[in-house]
C-alpha atoms as a PDB file:
ATOM      1  CA  MET A   1     -94.291 142.747  28.877  1.00  0.00           C
ATOM      2  CA  LEU A   2     -95.362 141.814  25.120  1.00  0.00           C
ATOM      3  CA  VAL A   3     -98.303 139.175  24.683  1.00  0.00           C
ATOM      4  CA  GLU A   4     -95.808 136.876  22.918  1.00  0.00           C
ATOM      5  CA  ASN A   5     -93.626 136.921  25.624  1.00  0.00           C
ATOM      6  CA  GLY A   6     -96.240 136.216  28.313  1.00  0.00           C
ATOM      7  CA  GLY A   7     -97.123 139.899  29.273  1.00  0.00           C
ATOM      8  CA  HIS A   8    -100.106 142.018  28.684  1.00  0.00           C
ATOM      9  CA  LEU A   9     -99.073 144.689  25.940  1.00  0.00           C
ATOM     10  CA  GLN A  10    -100.287 144.026  22.358  1.00  0.00           C
ATOM     11  CA  PHE A  11     -99.868 146.750  19.894  1.00  0.00           C
ATOM     12  CA  THR A  12    -102.194 146.135  16.774  1.00  0.00           C
ATOM     13  CA  ASP A  13    -102.981 147.900  13.601  1.00  0.00           C
ATOM     14  CA  ASN A  14    -105.881 149.585  15.385  1.00  0.00           C
ATOM     15  CA  TRP A  15    -103.868 150.802  18.309  1.00  0.00           C
ATOM     16  CA  ALA A  16    -101.384 152.268  15.692  1.00  0.00           C
ATOM     17  CA  ARG A  17    -104.144 154.126  13.654  1.00  0.00           C
ATOM     18  CA  ASN A  18    -105.667 155.308  16.892  1.00  0.00           C
ATOM     19  CA  VAL A  19    -102.296 156.861  17.974  1.00  0.00           C
ATOM     20  CA  LEU A  20    -101.867 158.620  14.649  1.00  0.00           C
ATOM     21  CA  ASN A  21    -105.457 159.893  14.772  1.00  0.00           C
ATOM     22  CA  GLU A  22    -105.105 161.416  18.086  1.00  0.00           C
ATOM     23  CA  VAL A  23    -101.576 163.044  17.121  1.00  0.00           C
ATOM     24  CA  GLN A  24    -103.350 164.604  14.226  1.00  0.00           C
ATOM     25  CA  ARG A  25    -106.060 165.985  16.385  1.00  0.00           C
ATOM     26  CA  SER A  26    -103.512 167.292  18.908  1.00  0.00           C
ATOM     27  CA  GLU A  27    -102.471 170.976  18.956  1.00  0.00           C
ATOM     28  CA  LYS A  28     -98.739 170.264  18.018  1.00  0.00           C
ATOM     29  CA  LYS A  29     -99.211 168.680  14.471  1.00  0.00           C
ATOM     30  CA  MET A  30     -96.705 166.026  13.058  1.00  0.00           C
ATOM     31  CA  VAL A  31     -95.111 166.872   9.966  1.00  0.00           C
ATOM     32  CA  LYS A  32     -92.800 165.049   7.308  1.00  0.00           C
ATOM     33  CA  ARG A  33     -89.258 165.493   8.422  1.00  0.00           C
ATOM     34  CA  MET A  34     -86.089 164.384   6.656  1.00  0.00           C
ATOM     35  CA  ALA A  35     -83.719 162.110   8.463  1.00  0.00           C
ATOM     36  CA  THR A  36     -80.389 163.685   9.384  1.00  0.00           C
ATOM     37  CA  THR A  37     -77.011 162.860  10.428  1.00  0.00           C
ATOM     38  CA  SER A  38     -75.303 164.821  13.102  1.00  0.00           C
ATOM     39  CA  LYS A  39     -72.362 167.038  12.265  1.00  0.00           C
ATOM     40  CA  ILE A  40     -70.550 168.762  15.090  1.00  0.00           C
ATOM     41  CA  PRO A  41     -70.886 172.595  14.826  1.00  0.00           C
ATOM     42  CA  VAL A  42     -67.466 174.262  14.391  1.00  0.00           C
ATOM     43  CA  ALA A  43     -66.865 177.983  15.433  1.00  0.00           C
ATOM     44  CA  PRO A  44     -65.922 180.250  12.562  1.00  0.00           C
ATOM     45  CA  GLY A  45     -62.390 180.863  13.967  1.00  0.00           C
ATOM     46  CA  LEU A  46     -61.552 177.344  14.451  1.00  0.00           C
ATOM     47  CA  LEU A  47     -63.014 176.358  11.110  1.00  0.00           C
ATOM     48  CA  LYS A  48     -60.672 179.065   9.461  1.00  0.00           C
ATOM     49  CA  GLU A  49     -57.778 177.721  11.474  1.00  0.00           C
ATOM     50  CA  GLU A  50     -58.282 174.210  10.293  1.00  0.00           C
ATOM     51  CA  GLN A  51     -58.627 175.262   6.837  1.00  0.00           C
ATOM     52  CA  LEU A  52     -55.280 177.151   6.920  1.00  0.00           C
ATOM     53  CA  THR A  53     -53.467 174.374   8.564  1.00  0.00           C
ATOM     54  CA  PHE A  54     -54.854 171.865   5.894  1.00  0.00           C
ATOM     55  CA  GLN A  55     -53.984 174.202   2.982  1.00  0.00           C
ATOM     56  CA  ARG A  56     -50.497 174.999   4.292  1.00  0.00           C
ATOM     57  CA  LYS A  57     -49.776 171.380   4.751  1.00  0.00           C
ATOM     58  CA  ILE A  58     -50.831 170.583   1.045  1.00  0.00           C
ATOM     59  CA  LEU A  59     -48.951 173.609  -0.199  1.00  0.00           C
ATOM     60  CA  ALA A  60     -45.747 172.560   1.559  1.00  0.00           C
ATOM     61  CA  LEU A  61     -45.705 169.196  -0.009  1.00  0.00           C
ATOM     62  CA  ILE A  62     -46.527 170.634  -3.606  1.00  0.00           C
ATOM     63  CA  LYS A  63     -43.706 173.262  -3.485  1.00  0.00           C
ATOM     64  CA  TRP A  64     -41.297 170.646  -1.767  1.00  0.00           C
ATOM     65  CA  HIS A  65     -41.833 167.833  -4.165  1.00  0.00           C
ATOM     66  CA  ASP A  66     -42.853 169.862  -7.171  1.00  0.00           C
ATOM     67  CA  ILE A  67     -46.387 167.607  -7.541  1.00  0.00           C
ATOM     68  CA  PRO A  68     -48.711 168.512 -10.478  1.00  0.00           C
ATOM     69  CA  LYS A  69     -52.491 168.341 -10.256  1.00  0.00           C
ATOM     70  CA  GLU A  70     -52.608 165.002 -12.084  1.00  0.00           C
ATOM     71  CA  LEU A  71     -50.618 163.490  -9.119  1.00  0.00           C
ATOM     72  CA  VAL A  72     -52.826 164.937  -6.446  1.00  0.00           C
ATOM     73  CA  LEU A  73     -55.453 162.356  -5.305  1.00  0.00           C
ATOM     74  CA  ASN A  74     -58.377 162.219  -3.046  1.00  0.00           C
ATOM     75  CA  PHE A  75     -60.199 158.889  -2.098  1.00  0.00           C
ATOM     76  CA  ASP A  76     -62.882 157.941   0.441  1.00  0.00           C
ATOM     77  CA  GLN A  77     -65.066 154.933   1.089  1.00  0.00           C
ATOM     78  CA  THR A  78     -68.796 155.165   0.882  1.00  0.00           C
ATOM     79  CA  PRO A  79     -71.582 152.749   1.477  1.00  0.00           C
ATOM     80  CA  LEU A  80     -73.502 151.694  -1.666  1.00  0.00           C
ATOM     81  CA  SER A  81     -76.811 150.107  -0.852  1.00  0.00           C
ATOM     82  CA  TYR A  82     -78.513 147.556  -3.099  1.00  0.00           C
ATOM     83  CA  ILE A  83     -81.914 148.735  -2.174  1.00  0.00           C
ATOM     84  CA  THR A  84     -82.382 152.422  -1.635  1.00  0.00           C
ATOM     85  CA  VAL A  85     -85.035 153.386   0.791  1.00  0.00           C
ATOM     86  CA  GLY A  86     -86.939 156.538   1.574  1.00  0.00           C
ATOM     87  CA  ASN A  87     -85.275 158.765   4.307  1.00  0.00           C
ATOM     88  CA  SER A  88     -88.447 160.613   5.536  1.00  0.00           C
ATOM     89  CA  THR A  89     -90.842 160.030   8.495  1.00  0.00           C
ATOM     90  CA  LEU A  90     -93.502 162.000  10.815  1.00  0.00           C
ATOM     91  CA  ASP A  91     -92.522 164.069  13.591  1.00  0.00           C
ATOM     92  CA  PHE A  92     -93.806 167.085  15.515  1.00  0.00           C
ATOM     93  CA  GLU A  93     -93.335 170.590  13.583  1.00  0.00           C
ATOM     94  CA  GLY A  94     -90.275 172.227  14.817  1.00  0.00           C
ATOM     95  CA  ALA A  95     -88.158 169.144  15.228  1.00  0.00           C
ATOM     96  CA  LYS A  96     -84.562 169.646  13.991  1.00  0.00           C
ATOM     97  CA  SER A  97     -82.950 166.281  13.780  1.00  0.00           C
ATOM     98  CA  VAL A  98     -85.158 163.248  13.458  1.00  0.00           C
ATOM     99  CA  PRO A  99     -83.752 159.736  13.273  1.00  0.00           C
ATOM    100  CA  VAL A 100     -85.427 157.014  10.944  1.00  0.00           C
ATOM    101  CA  LYS A 101     -85.361 153.651  12.712  1.00  0.00           C
ATOM    102  CA  GLY A 102     -83.473 151.138  10.464  1.00  0.00           C
ATOM    103  CA  LYS A 103     -82.223 153.791   8.089  1.00  0.00           C
ATOM    104  CA  GLY A 104     -79.012 152.677   6.349  1.00  0.00           C
ATOM    105  CA  LYS A 105     -79.124 149.079   7.608  1.00  0.00           C
ATOM    106  CA  GLY A 106     -80.149 147.639   4.503  1.00  0.00           C
ATOM    107  CA  LYS A 107     -77.741 145.087   2.447  1.00  0.00           C
ATOM    108  CA  GLN A 108     -75.039 147.160   0.908  1.00  0.00           C
ATOM    109  CA  ILE A 109     -71.339 147.251  -0.066  1.00  0.00           C
ATOM    110  CA  THR A 110     -68.507 149.458   0.298  1.00  0.00           C
ATOM    111  CA  GLY A 111     -67.002 151.550  -2.811  1.00  0.00           C
ATOM    112  CA  THR A 112     -63.653 153.253  -2.765  1.00  0.00           C
ATOM    113  CA  PHE A 113     -63.751 156.131  -5.014  1.00  0.00           C
ATOM    114  CA  THR A 114     -60.682 157.939  -6.132  1.00  0.00           C
ATOM    115  CA  VAL A 115     -60.300 161.090  -7.927  1.00  0.00           C
ATOM    116  CA  SER A 116     -57.448 163.470  -9.110  1.00  0.00           C
ATOM    117  CA  ALA A 117     -57.439 167.158  -8.865  1.00  0.00           C
ATOM    118  CA  ASP A 118     -57.383 167.723 -12.711  1.00  0.00           C
ATOM    119  CA  GLY A 119     -60.988 166.035 -12.690  1.00  0.00           C
ATOM    120  CA  ARG A 120     -60.207 162.294 -13.345  1.00  0.00           C
ATOM    121  CA  PHE A 121     -62.306 159.580 -11.766  1.00  0.00           C
ATOM    122  CA  LEU A 122     -60.120 156.212 -11.272  1.00  0.00           C
ATOM    123  CA  PRO A 123     -61.523 152.926 -11.259  1.00  0.00           C
ATOM    124  CA  MET A 124     -63.447 151.688  -8.162  1.00  0.00           C
ATOM    125  CA  GLN A 125     -62.558 149.278  -5.386  1.00  0.00           C
ATOM    126  CA  LEU A 126     -65.808 147.438  -4.700  1.00  0.00           C
ATOM    127  CA  ILE A 127     -65.873 145.486  -1.326  1.00  0.00           C
ATOM    128  CA  TYR A 128     -68.650 142.877  -0.994  1.00  0.00           C
ATOM    129  CA  ALA A 129     -69.743 141.110   2.188  1.00  0.00           C
ATOM    130  CA  GLY A 130     -68.398 137.600   2.412  1.00  0.00           C
ATOM    131  CA  LYS A 131     -65.340 135.321   2.917  1.00  0.00           C
ATOM    132  CA  THR A 132     -64.689 134.186  -0.616  1.00  0.00           C
ATOM    133  CA  ASP A 133     -64.977 135.179  -4.080  1.00  0.00           C
ATOM    134  CA  ARG A 134     -68.370 133.567  -4.371  1.00  0.00           C
ATOM    135  CA  CYS A 135     -70.046 136.584  -2.795  1.00  0.00           C
ATOM    136  CA  HIS A 136     -68.937 138.658  -5.880  1.00  0.00           C
ATOM    137  CA  PRO A 137     -71.620 139.150  -8.501  1.00  0.00           C
ATOM    138  CA  LYS A 138     -72.093 136.477 -11.243  1.00  0.00           C
ATOM    139  CA  GLY A 139     -71.605 137.027 -14.794  1.00  0.00           C
ATOM    140  CA  ILE A 140     -70.389 140.533 -14.598  1.00  0.00           C
ATOM    141  CA  GLU A 141     -67.379 141.830 -16.448  1.00  0.00           C
ATOM    142  CA  PHE A 142     -66.104 145.152 -14.723  1.00  0.00           C
ATOM    143  CA  PRO A 143     -64.148 147.728 -16.432  1.00  0.00           C
ATOM    144  CA  HIS A 144     -60.506 147.377 -16.747  1.00  0.00           C
ATOM    145  CA  GLY A 145     -58.666 148.575 -13.606  1.00  0.00           C
ATOM    146  CA  PHE A 146     -61.555 147.824 -11.005  1.00  0.00           C
ATOM    147  CA  HIS A 147     -60.665 145.985  -7.920  1.00  0.00           C
ATOM    148  CA  ILE A 148     -63.285 143.510  -6.820  1.00  0.00           C
ATOM    149  CA  THR A 149     -62.799 142.208  -3.309  1.00  0.00           C
ATOM    150  CA  HIS A 150     -64.598 141.148  -0.319  1.00  0.00           C
ATOM    151  CA  SER A 151     -64.535 141.353   3.636  1.00  0.00           C
ATOM    152  CA  PRO A 152     -66.680 139.653   6.247  1.00  0.00           C
ATOM    153  CA  ASN A 153     -68.716 142.680   6.888  1.00  0.00           C
ATOM    154  CA  HIS A 154     -67.723 144.544   3.594  1.00  0.00           C
ATOM    155  CA  TRP A 155     -65.973 147.240   5.402  1.00  0.00           C
ATOM    156  CA  SER A 156     -62.564 148.151   4.602  1.00  0.00           C
ATOM    157  CA  ASN A 157     -59.411 147.540   6.723  1.00  0.00           C
ATOM    158  CA  GLU A 158     -55.662 147.823   6.616  1.00  0.00           C
ATOM    159  CA  GLU A 159     -55.311 144.914   4.080  1.00  0.00           C
ATOM    160  CA  LEU A 160     -57.864 146.150   1.629  1.00  0.00           C
ATOM    161  CA  ALA A 161     -56.719 149.625   1.991  1.00  0.00           C
ATOM    162  CA  ILE A 162     -53.181 148.801   0.954  1.00  0.00           C
ATOM    163  CA  GLU A 163     -54.835 146.610  -1.872  1.00  0.00           C
ATOM    164  CA  HIS A 164     -56.630 149.995  -2.984  1.00  0.00           C
ATOM    165  CA  ILE A 165     -53.254 151.620  -3.304  1.00  0.00           C
ATOM    166  CA  SER A 166     -51.508 148.897  -4.932  1.00  0.00           C
ATOM    167  CA  LYS A 167     -54.168 148.003  -7.557  1.00  0.00           C
ATOM    168  CA  ILE A 168     -55.667 151.458  -8.203  1.00  0.00           C
ATOM    169  CA  VAL A 169     -53.635 154.230  -7.093  1.00  0.00           C
ATOM    170  CA  ILE A 170     -50.060 153.037  -8.116  1.00  0.00           C
ATOM    171  CA  PRO A 171     -50.998 151.806 -11.518  1.00  0.00           C
ATOM    172  CA  TYR A 172     -52.251 155.253 -12.357  1.00  0.00           C
ATOM    173  CA  VAL A 173     -49.501 157.333 -10.646  1.00  0.00           C
ATOM    174  CA  GLU A 174     -47.030 155.247 -12.710  1.00  0.00           C
ATOM    175  CA  LYS A 175     -48.914 155.601 -16.006  1.00  0.00           C
ATOM    176  CA  MET A 176     -49.299 159.565 -15.394  1.00  0.00           C
ATOM    177  CA  LYS A 177     -45.384 159.744 -14.472  1.00  0.00           C
ATOM    178  CA  GLU A 178     -44.597 158.106 -17.813  1.00  0.00           C
ATOM    179  CA  ASP A 179     -47.193 160.347 -19.679  1.00  0.00           C
ATOM    180  CA  LEU A 180     -45.709 163.546 -18.128  1.00  0.00           C
ATOM    181  CA  GLY A 181     -42.111 162.356 -18.372  1.00  0.00           C
ATOM    182  CA  LEU A 182     -41.598 162.515 -14.720  1.00  0.00           C
ATOM    183  CA  PRO A 183     -38.897 160.338 -12.844  1.00  0.00           C
ATOM    184  CA  ASN A 184     -39.813 157.224 -11.044  1.00  0.00           C
ATOM    185  CA  ASP A 185     -39.238 158.723  -7.823  1.00  0.00           C
ATOM    186  CA  GLN A 186     -41.435 161.499  -8.409  1.00  0.00           C
ATOM    187  CA  LYS A 187     -43.878 162.144  -5.467  1.00  0.00           C
ATOM    188  CA  SER A 188     -47.580 161.967  -5.580  1.00  0.00           C
ATOM    189  CA  LEU A 189     -49.948 163.464  -2.930  1.00  0.00           C
ATOM    190  CA  LEU A 190     -52.803 161.519  -1.422  1.00  0.00           C
ATOM    191  CA  ILE A 191     -55.535 163.329   0.483  1.00  0.00           C
ATOM    192  CA  PHE A 192     -57.693 160.992   2.570  1.00  0.00           C
ATOM    193  CA  ASP A 193     -59.869 160.566   5.820  1.00  0.00           C
ATOM    194  CA  VAL A 194     -58.650 159.602   9.292  1.00  0.00           C
ATOM    195  CA  PHE A 195     -59.392 156.058   9.177  1.00  0.00           C
ATOM    196  CA  LYS A 196     -57.877 153.428  11.118  1.00  0.00           C
ATOM    197  CA  GLY A 197     -56.810 151.109   8.431  1.00  0.00           C
ATOM    198  CA  GLN A 198     -55.142 154.034   6.714  1.00  0.00           C
ATOM    199  CA  THR A 199     -53.283 155.189   9.539  1.00  0.00           C
ATOM    200  CA  THR A 200     -51.203 152.002  10.659  1.00  0.00           C
ATOM    201  CA  GLU A 201     -47.555 151.865  10.537  1.00  0.00           C
ATOM    202  CA  ARG A 202     -47.622 149.257   7.817  1.00  0.00           C
ATOM    203  CA  TYR A 203     -49.951 151.451   5.510  1.00  0.00           C
ATOM    204  CA  THR A 204     -47.958 154.506   6.101  1.00  0.00           C
ATOM    205  CA  ASP A 205     -44.506 152.594   5.281  1.00  0.00           C
ATOM    206  CA  PHE A 206     -46.139 151.224   2.212  1.00  0.00           C
ATOM    207  CA  LEU A 207     -47.013 154.680   1.066  1.00  0.00           C
ATOM    208  CA  ARG A 208     -43.249 155.979   1.598  1.00  0.00           C
ATOM    209  CA  GLU A 209     -41.993 152.890  -0.031  1.00  0.00           C
ATOM    210  CA  ASN A 210     -44.053 153.808  -3.450  1.00  0.00           C
ATOM    211  CA  HIS A 211     -43.256 157.483  -3.282  1.00  0.00           C
ATOM    212  CA  LEU A 212     -46.447 158.575  -1.902  1.00  0.00           C
ATOM    213  CA  VAL A 213     -46.969 161.526   0.587  1.00  0.00           C
ATOM    214  CA  ASN A 214     -50.245 162.267   2.272  1.00  0.00           C
ATOM    215  CA  VAL A 215     -52.317 164.861   4.061  1.00  0.00           C
ATOM    216  CA  LEU A 216     -55.288 163.599   6.282  1.00  0.00           C
ATOM    217  CA  VAL A 217     -58.662 165.409   6.217  1.00  0.00           C
ATOM    218  CA  PRO A 218     -59.286 167.063   9.620  1.00  0.00           C
ATOM    219  CA  PRO A 219     -61.208 164.675  11.730  1.00  0.00           C
ATOM    220  CA  ASN A 220     -65.081 165.484  11.640  1.00  0.00           C
ATOM    221  CA  LEU A 221     -64.801 168.039   8.978  1.00  0.00           C
ATOM    222  CA  THR A 222     -65.027 165.752   5.877  1.00  0.00           C
ATOM    223  CA  HIS A 223     -68.120 167.625   4.693  1.00  0.00           C
ATOM    224  CA  LYS A 224     -65.827 170.715   4.463  1.00  0.00           C
ATOM    225  CA  PHE A 225     -62.460 169.645   3.144  1.00  0.00           C
ATOM    226  CA  GLN A 226     -63.114 166.084   1.618  1.00  0.00           C
ATOM    227  CA  PRO A 227     -63.649 166.640  -2.297  1.00  0.00           C
ATOM    228  CA  LEU A 228     -65.483 163.425  -2.628  1.00  0.00           C
ATOM    229  CA  ASP A 229     -67.708 163.917   0.426  1.00  0.00           C
ATOM    230  CA  ILE A 230     -68.786 167.468  -0.739  1.00  0.00           C
ATOM    231  CA  ASN A 231     -69.516 166.603  -4.388  1.00  0.00           C
ATOM    232  CA  VAL A 232     -69.255 163.158  -5.804  1.00  0.00           C
ATOM    233  CA  ASN A 233     -70.668 160.808  -3.258  1.00  0.00           C
ATOM    234  CA  GLY A 234     -74.003 162.463  -3.028  1.00  0.00           C
ATOM    235  CA  VAL A 235     -74.303 162.247  -7.021  1.00  0.00           C
ATOM    236  CA  ALA A 236     -73.485 158.573  -6.848  1.00  0.00           C
ATOM    237  CA  LYS A 237     -76.042 157.799  -4.391  1.00  0.00           C
ATOM    238  CA  GLY A 238     -78.666 159.885  -5.974  1.00  0.00           C
ATOM    239  CA  PHE A 239     -77.811 157.916  -9.425  1.00  0.00           C
ATOM    240  CA  LEU A 240     -78.094 154.724  -7.770  1.00  0.00           C
ATOM    241  CA  LYS A 241     -81.327 155.784  -6.123  1.00  0.00           C
ATOM    242  CA  ASP A 242     -82.869 156.679  -9.411  1.00  0.00           C
ATOM    243  CA  LYS A 243     -81.742 153.337 -10.803  1.00  0.00           C
ATOM    244  CA  PHE A 244     -83.419 151.310  -8.148  1.00  0.00           C
ATOM    245  CA  GLN A 245     -86.549 153.372  -8.299  1.00  0.00           C
ATOM    246  CA  LYS A 246     -86.931 153.016 -12.185  1.00  0.00           C
ATOM    247  CA  TRP A 247     -86.144 149.277 -11.832  1.00  0.00           C
ATOM    248  CA  TYR A 248     -88.586 148.715  -9.262  1.00  0.00           C
ATOM    249  CA  THR A 249     -91.350 150.712 -10.974  1.00  0.00           C
ATOM    250  CA  ASP A 250     -90.776 148.745 -14.119  1.00  0.00           C
ATOM    251  CA  GLN A 251     -91.027 145.395 -12.061  1.00  0.00           C
ATOM    252  CA  ILE A 252     -94.262 146.569 -10.617  1.00  0.00           C
ATOM    253  CA  GLN A 253     -95.582 147.508 -13.885  1.00  0.00           C
ATOM    254  CA  LYS A 254     -94.753 144.365 -15.629  1.00  0.00           C
ATOM    255  CA  GLN A 255     -96.538 142.104 -13.147  1.00  0.00           C
ATOM    256  CA  VAL A 256     -99.776 144.484 -13.256  1.00  0.00           C
ATOM    257  CA  ASP A 257     -99.688 144.227 -16.929  1.00  0.00           C
ATOM    258  CA  ASP A 258     -99.520 140.353 -16.595  1.00  0.00           C
ATOM    259  CA  GLY A 259    -102.875 140.449 -14.726  1.00  0.00           C
ATOM    260  CA  LYS A 260    -101.570 140.588 -11.162  1.00  0.00           C
ATOM    261  CA  GLY A 261    -103.550 142.565  -8.821  1.00  0.00           C
ATOM    262  CA  VAL A 262    -102.003 145.490  -7.000  1.00  0.00           C
ATOM    263  CA  TYR A 263    -101.991 143.668  -3.739  1.00  0.00           C
ATOM    264  CA  GLU A 264    -100.537 140.605  -5.275  1.00  0.00           C
ATOM    265  CA  VAL A 265     -97.471 142.221  -6.668  1.00  0.00           C
ATOM    266  CA  ASP A 266     -94.190 140.735  -5.050  1.00  0.00           C
ATOM    267  CA  ILE A 267     -90.716 142.104  -6.098  1.00  0.00           C
ATOM    268  CA  ASP A 268     -87.892 139.547  -5.647  1.00  0.00           C
ATOM    269  CA  THR A 269     -85.100 141.629  -4.039  1.00  0.00           C
ATOM    270  CA  ARG A 270     -82.959 138.767  -2.896  1.00  0.00           C
ATOM    271  CA  LEU A 271     -79.220 139.509  -2.841  1.00  0.00           C
ATOM    272  CA  SER A 272     -78.584 136.696  -5.649  1.00  0.00           C
ATOM    273  CA  ARG A 273     -80.763 138.628  -8.079  1.00  0.00           C
ATOM    274  CA  MET A 274     -79.785 142.241  -6.869  1.00  0.00           C
ATOM    275  CA  LYS A 275     -76.109 141.843  -6.924  1.00  0.00           C
ATOM    276  CA  PRO A 276     -75.586 141.746 -10.667  1.00  0.00           C
ATOM    277  CA  ILE A 277     -78.193 144.406 -11.517  1.00  0.00           C
ATOM    278  CA  HIS A 278     -76.419 146.633  -8.876  1.00  0.00           C
ATOM    279  CA  ALA A 279     -73.283 145.926 -10.435  1.00  0.00           C
ATOM    280  CA  GLN A 280     -74.481 146.977 -13.838  1.00  0.00           C
ATOM    281  CA  TRP A 281     -75.893 150.298 -12.135  1.00  0.00           C
ATOM    282  CA  LEU A 282     -72.211 150.790 -10.748  1.00  0.00           C
ATOM    283  CA  ILE A 283     -70.696 150.229 -14.275  1.00  0.00           C
ATOM    284  CA  SER A 284     -73.119 152.984 -15.494  1.00  0.00           C
ATOM    285  CA  LEU A 285     -72.183 155.312 -12.606  1.00  0.00           C
ATOM    286  CA  TYR A 286     -68.470 154.768 -13.557  1.00  0.00           C
ATOM    287  CA  ASP A 287     -68.989 155.737 -17.048  1.00  0.00           C
ATOM    288  CA  LYS A 288     -71.036 158.942 -15.796  1.00  0.00           C
ATOM    289  CA  LEU A 289     -68.411 160.134 -13.269  1.00  0.00           C
ATOM    290  CA  ARG A 290     -65.607 159.501 -15.818  1.00  0.00           C
ATOM    291  CA  ASN A 291     -67.095 162.177 -17.950  1.00  0.00           C
ATOM    292  CA  SER A 292     -67.739 164.559 -15.049  1.00  0.00           C
ATOM    293  CA  GLU A 293     -64.425 166.431 -14.796  1.00  0.00           C
ATOM    294  CA  GLN A 294     -65.982 169.733 -13.672  1.00  0.00           C
ATOM    295  CA  LEU A 295     -67.895 168.161 -11.019  1.00  0.00           C
ATOM    296  CA  ILE A 296     -64.901 166.717  -9.576  1.00  0.00           C
ATOM    297  CA  VAL A 297     -62.669 169.760  -9.803  1.00  0.00           C
ATOM    298  CA  ASN A 298     -65.559 171.646  -8.192  1.00  0.00           C
ATOM    299  CA  GLY A 299     -65.220 169.387  -5.118  1.00  0.00           C
ATOM    300  CA  PHE A 300     -61.384 170.333  -4.768  1.00  0.00           C
ATOM    301  CA  LYS A 301     -62.225 173.929  -5.240  1.00  0.00           C
ATOM    302  CA  ALA A 302     -65.048 173.583  -2.651  1.00  0.00           C
ATOM    303  CA  ALA A 303     -62.694 171.879  -0.215  1.00  0.00           C
ATOM    304  CA  SER A 304     -60.224 174.754  -0.435  1.00  0.00           C
ATOM    305  CA  ILE A 305     -57.614 172.528  -1.907  1.00  0.00           C
ATOM    306  CA  LEU A 306     -57.360 174.135  -5.394  1.00  0.00           C
ATOM    307  CA  GLU A 307     -55.820 177.261  -4.102  1.00  0.00           C
ATOM    308  CA  ALA A 308     -53.402 175.333  -1.960  1.00  0.00           C
ATOM    309  CA  LEU A 309     -52.014 173.514  -5.355  1.00  0.00           C
ATOM    310  CA  ASP A 310     -50.655 176.917  -6.672  1.00  0.00           C
ATOM    311  CA  PRO A 311     -46.915 176.943  -5.750  1.00  0.00           C
ATOM    312  CA  GLN A 312     -47.083 180.870  -5.922  1.00  0.00           C
ATOM    313  CA  LYS A 313     -49.587 180.857  -3.107  1.00  0.00           C
ATOM    314  CA  ASP A 314     -48.609 182.242   0.265  1.00  0.00           C
ATOM    315  CA  PHE A 315     -51.072 181.774   3.190  1.00  0.00           C
ATOM    316  CA  GLY A 316     -48.855 183.659   5.492  1.00  0.00           C
ATOM    317  CA  ASP A 317     -49.357 183.724   9.295  1.00  0.00           C
ATOM    318  CA  GLU A 318     -52.889 184.923   9.137  1.00  0.00           C
ATOM    319  CA  ASP A 319     -54.466 184.702  12.333  1.00  0.00           C
ATOM    320  CA  PRO A 320     -58.161 183.320  12.328  1.00  0.00           C
ATOM    321  CA  PHE A 321     -58.981 184.878  15.503  1.00  0.00           C
ATOM    322  CA  LYS A 322     -57.975 188.375  14.766  1.00  0.00           C
ATOM    323  CA  HIS A 323     -61.520 189.620  14.396  1.00  0.00           C
ATOM    324  CA  LEU A 324     -61.956 188.646  18.155  1.00  0.00           C
ATOM    325  CA  LEU A 325     -59.145 191.018  19.337  1.00  0.00           C
END
């Protein structure tokens, strides 16, 4: 029905202004609203039941294998955008959940963060979009232990999930066992999401072969029981957003200082330029999180995991629904 397709509809700038003006004159005003993601509400009794089940699984493995905090790890994949955009729009007063069209669809990579229950932040796995190493940022020397890789869509998969274990988790646990004077067959505990690439038979066998046991975060409850999701991921994205906004502002200021008019300013955000800049921000983020032990520990505490690491703890047979009887 659009004019460019032979139809009669044409949406011009004037049309858009008229719509907004009419809306502002209407009784139901439009106000700024933040974009939201949906989280399935959970009844208090069910949430408590999930928490107790989660804690009991962790406690059982801690007791059975005598696992120290240093060998309790949590990891999570999170998207890391090259260009951070605003997450607000206009909608009517009273709107509870407002989608922003195109939000989150910018160019990005996937970062796999790994933390220990005693507050350590391990080197990152960074997954770029591409089919060869040519998609990696040029001229960047990443910190020791980083795993820089790629997939066609920058998403993780079974192969990359196994590489994360072999290149980041195993070197760490082997060094910690040596430092703590523990035997080679000492078990380590991994806590992670229900993700297809991390639940295959091949992946599970690989963990078992390397003396790694695991507990899965309850589905749809990562915001309650995933330490990284609770604390670290948000800090990381806020850090990168600040870096981008400072860089973008500096680029505008430089062009204005060089004599360009405001409407002549043009910022080059091509991937070939942004990749190495973004990589330097990630290195700075790594330095920040390596020195944020309490932030990481607080994530484990908020996820109800810290108390489950106490071998003396007994969760008993508490009934989360007893208040309903």
